[in-house]
Amino acid sequence: MPGGLFCFIFRKYNMSSYLRAFKTIEIMEKYVVEGTLKSPAVNFDLSNGVLEIKGRSIPENSVEFYQPLFDALALYAANAKPTTTVKMFLPYFSTSSSKCILEIFRHLENIYKNGSAVTINWMYESDDEDMLEAGEDYQVMIKIPFTMVPVQV
């Protein structure tokens, strides 16, 4: 499967008689993708409001790779936690991935505007000024608090 192994963990909730036609709804609690040489590892713990993305992002089809994460973010936005923490460490990403990263940030910006305290930790190799600049560029485009975190490798 492109982008690694997808793992969904669900918990079932019974709905009231108001939605009798839908006896059960499945709520996603985690969205996990194993990283590969071309795609980052993704660990989104929806039940705790923590999203981690780590690794190179140069998949053959960035939109196809990131679409399930967009879907998970949309699901999360409907019932976001009071605090949402994001850790992104992308040593390298392609132009098409950069557009998807911006889309992730747009989803997070909506979550932020709806009252969740969203914090983005943009991690970059301490000697990589290009990735620091990329994080600063995203910070200017998106109105969410960013923390630039240099990492020694």
N, C-alpha and C. Protein backbone atom coordinates (compact mmCIF):
# COMPACT_ATOMS: atom_id res chain seq x y z
N MET A 1 0.84 -1.17 0.00
CA MET A 1 0.00 0.00 0.00
C MET A 1 0.90 1.24 0.00
N PRO A 2 0.65 2.23 -0.87
CA PRO A 2 1.50 3.41 -0.92
C PRO A 2 1.53 4.13 0.42
N GLY A 3 2.73 4.59 0.79
CA GLY A 3 2.84 5.37 2.00
C GLY A 3 2.99 4.54 3.26
N GLY A 4 3.08 3.25 3.15
CA GLY A 4 3.28 2.43 4.34
C GLY A 4 2.01 1.80 4.83
N LEU A 5 2.09 1.19 5.97
CA LEU A 5 0.97 0.47 6.58
C LEU A 5 0.03 1.44 7.26
N PHE A 6 -1.24 1.37 6.90
CA PHE A 6 -2.24 2.21 7.54
C PHE A 6 -2.87 1.41 8.67
N CYS A 7 -2.99 2.04 9.81
CA CYS A 7 -3.57 1.37 10.97
C CYS A 7 -4.63 2.28 11.57
N PHE A 8 -5.84 1.80 11.63
CA PHE A 8 -6.92 2.56 12.23
C PHE A 8 -7.39 1.82 13.47
N ILE A 9 -7.55 2.52 14.55
CA ILE A 9 -8.07 1.93 15.76
C ILE A 9 -9.40 2.63 16.04
N PHE A 10 -10.46 1.85 16.16
CA PHE A 10 -11.79 2.41 16.32
C PHE A 10 -12.39 2.04 17.66
N ARG A 11 -13.24 2.90 18.16
CA ARG A 11 -14.06 2.59 19.33
C ARG A 11 -15.50 2.87 18.91
N LYS A 12 -16.39 1.98 19.25
CA LYS A 12 -17.78 2.15 18.84
C LYS A 12 -18.59 2.82 19.95
N TYR A 13 -19.46 3.74 19.52
CA TYR A 13 -20.36 4.42 20.44
C TYR A 13 -21.79 4.20 19.96
N ASN A 14 -22.68 3.86 20.86
CA ASN A 14 -24.09 3.74 20.51
C ASN A 14 -24.69 5.13 20.44
N MET A 15 -25.54 5.36 19.45
CA MET A 15 -26.18 6.65 19.26
C MET A 15 -27.56 6.61 19.89
N SER A 16 -28.10 7.76 20.19
CA SER A 16 -29.45 7.85 20.75
C SER A 16 -30.49 7.50 19.70
N SER A 17 -31.72 7.39 20.14
CA SER A 17 -32.79 7.05 19.20
C SER A 17 -32.97 8.13 18.14
N TYR A 18 -32.44 9.32 18.41
CA TYR A 18 -32.49 10.42 17.44
C TYR A 18 -31.91 10.00 16.10
N LEU A 19 -30.89 9.17 16.15
CA LEU A 19 -30.25 8.67 14.92
C LEU A 19 -30.44 7.16 14.84
N ARG A 20 -31.66 6.70 15.00
CA ARG A 20 -31.94 5.27 15.01
C ARG A 20 -31.43 4.57 13.76
N ALA A 21 -31.46 5.24 12.63
CA ALA A 21 -31.00 4.62 11.38
C ALA A 21 -29.51 4.29 11.45
N PHE A 22 -28.79 5.05 12.25
CA PHE A 22 -27.36 4.80 12.42
C PHE A 22 -27.16 4.29 13.84
N LYS A 23 -27.21 2.99 14.01
CA LYS A 23 -27.17 2.41 15.35
C LYS A 23 -25.80 2.57 16.00
N THR A 24 -24.77 2.60 15.19
CA THR A 24 -23.43 2.70 15.74
C THR A 24 -22.61 3.63 14.87
N ILE A 25 -21.81 4.43 15.51
CA ILE A 25 -20.87 5.27 14.77
C ILE A 25 -19.47 4.90 15.23
N GLU A 26 -18.57 4.83 14.31
CA GLU A 26 -17.20 4.50 14.66
C GLU A 26 -16.38 5.78 14.71
N ILE A 27 -15.71 5.99 15.80
CA ILE A 27 -14.90 7.18 16.00
C ILE A 27 -13.43 6.76 15.92
N MET A 28 -12.70 7.37 15.01
CA MET A 28 -11.28 7.07 14.87
C MET A 28 -10.54 7.67 16.05
N GLU A 29 -9.70 6.87 16.69
CA GLU A 29 -8.90 7.35 17.81
C GLU A 29 -7.45 7.60 17.42
N LYS A 30 -6.94 6.81 16.47
CA LYS A 30 -5.55 6.98 16.04
C LYS A 30 -5.45 6.78 14.54
N TYR A 31 -4.56 7.53 13.95
CA TYR A 31 -4.22 7.34 12.54
C TYR A 31 -2.70 7.22 12.50
N VAL A 32 -2.21 6.08 12.04
CA VAL A 32 -0.78 5.79 12.06
C VAL A 32 -0.33 5.31 10.69
N VAL A 33 0.78 5.87 10.22
CA VAL A 33 1.40 5.42 8.97
C VAL A 33 2.88 5.21 9.26
N GLU A 34 3.39 4.05 8.90
CA GLU A 34 4.82 3.80 9.04
C GLU A 34 5.57 4.59 7.98
N GLY A 35 6.69 5.17 8.36
CA GLY A 35 7.52 5.91 7.41
C GLY A 35 8.27 4.97 6.48
N THR A 36 8.60 5.49 5.30
CA THR A 36 9.42 4.77 4.33
C THR A 36 10.56 5.70 3.92
N LEU A 37 11.36 5.27 2.96
CA LEU A 37 12.43 6.14 2.46
C LEU A 37 11.87 7.38 1.77
N LYS A 38 10.63 7.29 1.27
CA LYS A 38 10.04 8.40 0.53
C LYS A 38 8.89 9.10 1.23
N SER A 39 8.39 8.52 2.29
CA SER A 39 7.24 9.12 2.96
C SER A 39 7.45 9.14 4.48
N PRO A 40 6.94 10.18 5.12
CA PRO A 40 7.16 10.31 6.57
C PRO A 40 6.27 9.38 7.39
N ALA A 41 6.72 9.13 8.60
CA ALA A 41 5.88 8.44 9.57
C ALA A 41 4.86 9.45 10.09
N VAL A 42 3.64 9.00 10.26
CA VAL A 42 2.58 9.86 10.78
C VAL A 42 1.96 9.14 11.97
N ASN A 43 1.85 9.86 13.07
CA ASN A 43 1.20 9.32 14.25
C ASN A 43 0.25 10.41 14.76
N PHE A 44 -1.03 10.21 14.55
CA PHE A 44 -2.03 11.17 14.98
C PHE A 44 -2.91 10.52 16.03
N ASP A 45 -2.73 10.92 17.26
CA ASP A 45 -3.52 10.43 18.38
C ASP A 45 -4.67 11.40 18.59
N LEU A 46 -5.79 11.11 17.97
CA LEU A 46 -6.95 12.01 18.02
C LEU A 46 -7.51 12.11 19.43
N SER A 47 -7.41 11.05 20.20
CA SER A 47 -7.99 11.07 21.55
C SER A 47 -7.20 11.96 22.51
N ASN A 48 -5.94 12.26 22.18
CA ASN A 48 -5.12 13.13 23.02
C ASN A 48 -4.72 14.43 22.33
N GLY A 49 -5.07 14.59 21.06
CA GLY A 49 -4.76 15.82 20.35
C GLY A 49 -3.29 16.00 20.03
N VAL A 50 -2.62 14.91 19.65
CA VAL A 50 -1.19 14.97 19.33
C VAL A 50 -0.96 14.42 17.93
N LEU A 51 -0.33 15.23 17.08
CA LEU A 51 0.02 14.84 15.72
C LEU A 51 1.53 14.94 15.55
N GLU A 52 2.15 13.84 15.12
CA GLU A 52 3.58 13.83 14.84
C GLU A 52 3.81 13.37 13.41
N ILE A 53 4.61 14.13 12.67
CA ILE A 53 4.99 13.77 11.31
C ILE A 53 6.50 13.88 11.24
N LYS A 54 7.14 12.77 10.82
CA LYS A 54 8.61 12.74 10.87
C LYS A 54 9.16 11.95 9.69
N GLY A 55 10.10 12.55 8.96
CA GLY A 55 10.79 11.86 7.87
C GLY A 55 10.74 12.63 6.56
N ARG A 56 11.40 12.09 5.57
CA ARG A 56 11.39 12.70 4.24
C ARG A 56 10.00 12.57 3.63
N SER A 57 9.62 13.61 2.90
CA SER A 57 8.30 13.58 2.27
C SER A 57 8.46 13.83 0.77
N ILE A 58 8.68 12.72 0.07
CA ILE A 58 8.80 12.78 -1.39
C ILE A 58 8.02 11.62 -2.03
N PRO A 59 6.77 11.41 -1.57
CA PRO A 59 6.00 10.30 -2.16
C PRO A 59 5.69 10.58 -3.62
N GLU A 60 5.43 9.53 -4.37
CA GLU A 60 5.12 9.70 -5.79
C GLU A 60 3.87 10.53 -5.98
N ASN A 61 2.89 10.35 -5.11
CA ASN A 61 1.65 11.12 -5.19
C ASN A 61 1.35 11.68 -3.80
N SER A 62 1.73 12.92 -3.60
CA SER A 62 1.59 13.53 -2.27
C SER A 62 0.14 13.63 -1.83
N VAL A 63 -0.75 14.02 -2.72
CA VAL A 63 -2.15 14.16 -2.35
C VAL A 63 -2.71 12.81 -1.91
N GLU A 64 -2.40 11.76 -2.65
CA GLU A 64 -2.88 10.42 -2.28
C GLU A 64 -2.32 10.01 -0.92
N PHE A 65 -1.07 10.33 -0.65
CA PHE A 65 -0.46 9.98 0.63
C PHE A 65 -1.11 10.75 1.78
N TYR A 66 -1.31 12.05 1.61
CA TYR A 66 -1.80 12.90 2.70
C TYR A 66 -3.32 12.94 2.84
N GLN A 67 -4.08 12.51 1.84
CA GLN A 67 -5.54 12.61 1.91
C GLN A 67 -6.14 11.94 3.16
N PRO A 68 -5.69 10.74 3.54
CA PRO A 68 -6.25 10.15 4.77
C PRO A 68 -5.97 11.00 6.02
N LEU A 69 -4.83 11.70 6.04
CA LEU A 69 -4.55 12.59 7.16
C LEU A 69 -5.48 13.80 7.13
N PHE A 70 -5.73 14.35 5.94
CA PHE A 70 -6.70 15.45 5.83
C PHE A 70 -8.05 15.00 6.38
N ASP A 71 -8.45 13.77 6.01
CA ASP A 71 -9.73 13.23 6.48
C ASP A 71 -9.74 13.08 8.01
N ALA A 72 -8.63 12.60 8.56
CA ALA A 72 -8.53 12.43 10.01
C ALA A 72 -8.59 13.80 10.71
N LEU A 73 -7.94 14.80 10.12
CA LEU A 73 -7.99 16.15 10.70
C LEU A 73 -9.41 16.72 10.66
N ALA A 74 -10.12 16.46 9.57
CA ALA A 74 -11.51 16.93 9.46
C ALA A 74 -12.37 16.26 10.53
N LEU A 75 -12.17 14.97 10.74
CA LEU A 75 -12.89 14.23 11.77
C LEU A 75 -12.56 14.79 13.16
N TYR A 76 -11.28 15.03 13.39
CA TYR A 76 -10.82 15.56 14.67
C TYR A 76 -11.39 16.95 14.92
N ALA A 77 -11.47 17.77 13.89
CA ALA A 77 -11.95 19.16 14.03
C ALA A 77 -13.36 19.21 14.60
N ALA A 78 -14.16 18.20 14.32
CA ALA A 78 -15.54 18.17 14.81
C ALA A 78 -15.60 18.02 16.33
N ASN A 79 -14.52 17.50 16.93
CA ASN A 79 -14.49 17.29 18.38
C ASN A 79 -13.06 17.44 18.89
N ALA A 80 -12.45 18.57 18.55
CA ALA A 80 -11.04 18.79 18.90
C ALA A 80 -10.85 18.91 20.41
N LYS A 81 -9.71 18.48 20.86
CA LYS A 81 -9.35 18.60 22.27
C LYS A 81 -9.04 20.07 22.59
N PRO A 82 -9.07 20.45 23.86
CA PRO A 82 -8.75 21.84 24.21
C PRO A 82 -7.34 22.26 23.80
N THR A 83 -6.43 21.27 23.76
CA THR A 83 -5.05 21.53 23.34
C THR A 83 -4.68 20.55 22.25
N THR A 84 -4.11 21.08 21.17
CA THR A 84 -3.63 20.25 20.07
C THR A 84 -2.16 20.55 19.87
N THR A 85 -1.33 19.51 19.91
CA THR A 85 0.11 19.68 19.77
C THR A 85 0.58 18.98 18.51
N VAL A 86 1.39 19.69 17.72
CA VAL A 86 1.90 19.15 16.47
C VAL A 86 3.42 19.19 16.51
N LYS A 87 4.03 18.07 16.15
CA LYS A 87 5.49 17.98 16.03
C LYS A 87 5.79 17.58 14.59
N MET A 88 6.49 18.46 13.87
CA MET A 88 6.83 18.15 12.48
C MET A 88 8.34 18.20 12.33
N PHE A 89 8.90 17.09 11.86
CA PHE A 89 10.33 17.04 11.57
C PHE A 89 10.49 16.43 10.19
N LEU A 90 10.62 17.30 9.21
CA LEU A 90 10.73 16.89 7.81
C LEU A 90 12.08 17.38 7.28
N PRO A 91 13.10 16.52 7.32
CA PRO A 91 14.41 16.95 6.85
C PRO A 91 14.42 17.38 5.37
N TYR A 92 13.48 16.83 4.60
CA TYR A 92 13.37 17.21 3.19
C TYR A 92 11.95 16.93 2.73
N PHE A 93 11.40 17.83 1.90
CA PHE A 93 10.10 17.57 1.30
C PHE A 93 10.06 18.17 -0.10
N SER A 94 9.28 17.52 -0.95
CA SER A 94 9.14 17.96 -2.34
C SER A 94 8.17 19.12 -2.44
N THR A 95 8.13 19.74 -3.62
CA THR A 95 7.21 20.85 -3.85
C THR A 95 5.77 20.41 -3.67
N SER A 96 5.42 19.23 -4.21
CA SER A 96 4.04 18.76 -4.05
C SER A 96 3.71 18.47 -2.58
N SER A 97 4.69 18.00 -1.83
CA SER A 97 4.47 17.78 -0.39
C SER A 97 4.28 19.11 0.33
N SER A 98 4.99 20.15 -0.12
CA SER A 98 4.86 21.45 0.55
C SER A 98 3.43 21.96 0.47
N LYS A 99 2.75 21.70 -0.64
CA LYS A 99 1.35 22.10 -0.77
C LYS A 99 0.48 21.32 0.20
N CYS A 100 0.79 20.05 0.38
CA CYS A 100 0.02 19.22 1.32
C CYS A 100 0.29 19.63 2.76
N ILE A 101 1.52 20.00 3.05
CA ILE A 101 1.86 20.48 4.39
C ILE A 101 1.07 21.76 4.69
N LEU A 102 0.98 22.64 3.69
CA LEU A 102 0.18 23.85 3.87
C LEU A 102 -1.29 23.49 4.12
N GLU A 103 -1.78 22.48 3.43
CA GLU A 103 -3.17 22.04 3.64
C GLU A 103 -3.36 21.50 5.07
N ILE A 104 -2.37 20.78 5.59
CA ILE A 104 -2.41 20.31 6.98
C ILE A 104 -2.52 21.51 7.91
N PHE A 105 -1.69 22.52 7.67
CA PHE A 105 -1.71 23.71 8.50
C PHE A 105 -3.04 24.46 8.39
N ARG A 106 -3.65 24.45 7.22
CA ARG A 106 -4.96 25.10 7.07
C ARG A 106 -6.03 24.39 7.91
N HIS A 107 -5.98 23.05 7.92
CA HIS A 107 -6.89 22.30 8.78
C HIS A 107 -6.65 22.66 10.24
N LEU A 108 -5.38 22.74 10.62
CA LEU A 108 -5.04 23.07 12.00
C LEU A 108 -5.44 24.51 12.34
N GLU A 109 -5.33 25.40 11.38
CA GLU A 109 -5.73 26.79 11.60
C GLU A 109 -7.24 26.87 11.90
N ASN A 110 -8.04 26.08 11.18
CA ASN A 110 -9.48 26.04 11.46
C ASN A 110 -9.76 25.51 12.86
N ILE A 111 -9.01 24.49 13.26
CA ILE A 111 -9.15 23.93 14.60
C ILE A 111 -8.80 25.00 15.64
N TYR A 112 -7.75 25.75 15.36
CA TYR A 112 -7.30 26.84 16.24
C TYR A 112 -8.38 27.93 16.34
N LYS A 113 -8.94 28.31 15.20
CA LYS A 113 -9.98 29.35 15.17
C LYS A 113 -11.23 28.92 15.93
N ASN A 114 -11.44 27.61 16.03
CA ASN A 114 -12.62 27.09 16.74
C ASN A 114 -12.37 26.84 18.22
N GLY A 115 -11.21 27.30 18.72
CA GLY A 115 -11.00 27.29 20.16
C GLY A 115 -9.98 26.34 20.73
N SER A 116 -9.41 25.44 19.94
CA SER A 116 -8.37 24.55 20.46
C SER A 116 -7.04 25.31 20.46
N ALA A 117 -6.30 25.19 21.54
CA ALA A 117 -4.98 25.83 21.63
C ALA A 117 -3.99 24.98 20.83
N VAL A 118 -3.78 25.33 19.56
CA VAL A 118 -2.91 24.56 18.68
C VAL A 118 -1.49 25.13 18.76
N THR A 119 -0.52 24.25 18.95
CA THR A 119 0.89 24.63 18.94
C THR A 119 1.61 23.75 17.93
N ILE A 120 2.37 24.39 17.05
CA ILE A 120 3.16 23.64 16.07
C ILE A 120 4.63 23.75 16.44
N ASN A 121 5.25 22.61 16.64
CA ASN A 121 6.69 22.53 16.88
C ASN A 121 7.35 22.13 15.57
N TRP A 122 7.96 23.10 14.90
CA TRP A 122 8.63 22.87 13.62
C TRP A 122 10.07 22.51 13.94
N MET A 123 10.40 21.24 13.77
CA MET A 123 11.73 20.75 14.10
C MET A 123 12.57 20.71 12.83
N TYR A 124 13.81 21.14 12.94
CA TYR A 124 14.70 21.17 11.78
C TYR A 124 16.13 20.88 12.25
N GLU A 125 16.93 20.32 11.35
CA GLU A 125 18.34 20.07 11.69
C GLU A 125 19.01 21.42 11.93
N SER A 126 19.74 21.52 13.02
CA SER A 126 20.26 22.81 13.47
C SER A 126 21.11 23.53 12.43
N ASP A 127 21.71 22.78 11.50
CA ASP A 127 22.52 23.43 10.47
C ASP A 127 21.79 23.58 9.13
N ASP A 128 20.49 23.35 9.12
CA ASP A 128 19.71 23.41 7.89
C ASP A 128 18.86 24.68 7.85
N GLU A 129 19.45 25.74 7.33
CA GLU A 129 18.76 27.03 7.27
C GLU A 129 17.56 27.01 6.34
N ASP A 130 17.60 26.15 5.30
CA ASP A 130 16.47 26.06 4.38
C ASP A 130 15.21 25.56 5.08
N MET A 131 15.35 24.55 5.94
CA MET A 131 14.18 24.01 6.66
C MET A 131 13.70 24.99 7.73
N LEU A 132 14.62 25.72 8.34
CA LEU A 132 14.22 26.77 9.28
C LEU A 132 13.41 27.82 8.53
N GLU A 133 13.90 28.23 7.37
CA GLU A 133 13.19 29.22 6.55
C GLU A 133 11.81 28.72 6.12
N ALA A 134 11.75 27.44 5.75
CA ALA A 134 10.46 26.87 5.34
C ALA A 134 9.46 26.96 6.50
N GLY A 135 9.90 26.64 7.70
CA GLY A 135 9.03 26.75 8.87
C GLY A 135 8.59 28.18 9.11
N GLU A 136 9.52 29.11 8.95
CA GLU A 136 9.18 30.53 9.13
C GLU A 136 8.19 31.00 8.05
N ASP A 137 8.35 30.49 6.84
CA ASP A 137 7.41 30.84 5.77
C ASP A 137 6.01 30.33 6.09
N TYR A 138 5.90 29.09 6.55
CA TYR A 138 4.59 28.56 6.95
C TYR A 138 4.00 29.38 8.10
N GLN A 139 4.84 29.77 9.03
CA GLN A 139 4.38 30.54 10.19
C GLN A 139 3.76 31.87 9.74
N VAL A 140 4.32 32.48 8.72
CA VAL A 140 3.78 33.74 8.20
C VAL A 140 2.43 33.52 7.52
N MET A 141 2.28 32.38 6.83
CA MET A 141 1.04 32.09 6.09
C MET A 141 -0.11 31.67 7.00
N ILE A 142 0.21 31.01 8.10
CA ILE A 142 -0.81 30.42 8.97
C ILE A 142 -0.77 31.12 10.32
N LYS A 143 -1.90 31.47 10.82
CA LYS A 143 -1.99 32.21 12.09
C LYS A 143 -2.14 31.26 13.27
N ILE A 144 -1.10 30.47 13.49
CA ILE A 144 -1.04 29.53 14.62
C ILE A 144 0.33 29.71 15.26
N PRO A 145 0.43 29.61 16.58
CA PRO A 145 1.75 29.70 17.21
C PRO A 145 2.69 28.59 16.74
N PHE A 146 3.86 28.98 16.27
CA PHE A 146 4.92 28.04 15.88
C PHE A 146 6.07 28.18 16.87
N THR A 147 6.71 27.07 17.13
CA THR A 147 7.97 27.07 17.87
C THR A 147 9.00 26.41 16.97
N MET A 148 10.08 27.13 16.69
CA MET A 148 11.16 26.58 15.87
C MET A 148 12.10 25.82 16.80
N VAL A 149 12.29 24.53 16.50
CA VAL A 149 13.06 23.66 17.38
C VAL A 149 14.26 23.09 16.63
N PRO A 150 15.47 23.61 16.88
CA PRO A 150 16.65 23.04 16.24
C PRO A 150 16.97 21.67 16.84
N VAL A 151 17.33 20.72 15.97
CA VAL A 151 17.64 19.36 16.40
C VAL A 151 19.06 19.02 15.97
N GLN A 152 19.85 18.50 16.90
CA GLN A 152 21.21 18.04 16.59
C GLN A 152 21.13 16.63 16.03
N VAL A 153 21.72 16.41 14.86
CA VAL A 153 21.74 15.06 14.28
C VAL A 153 23.14 14.59 14.05
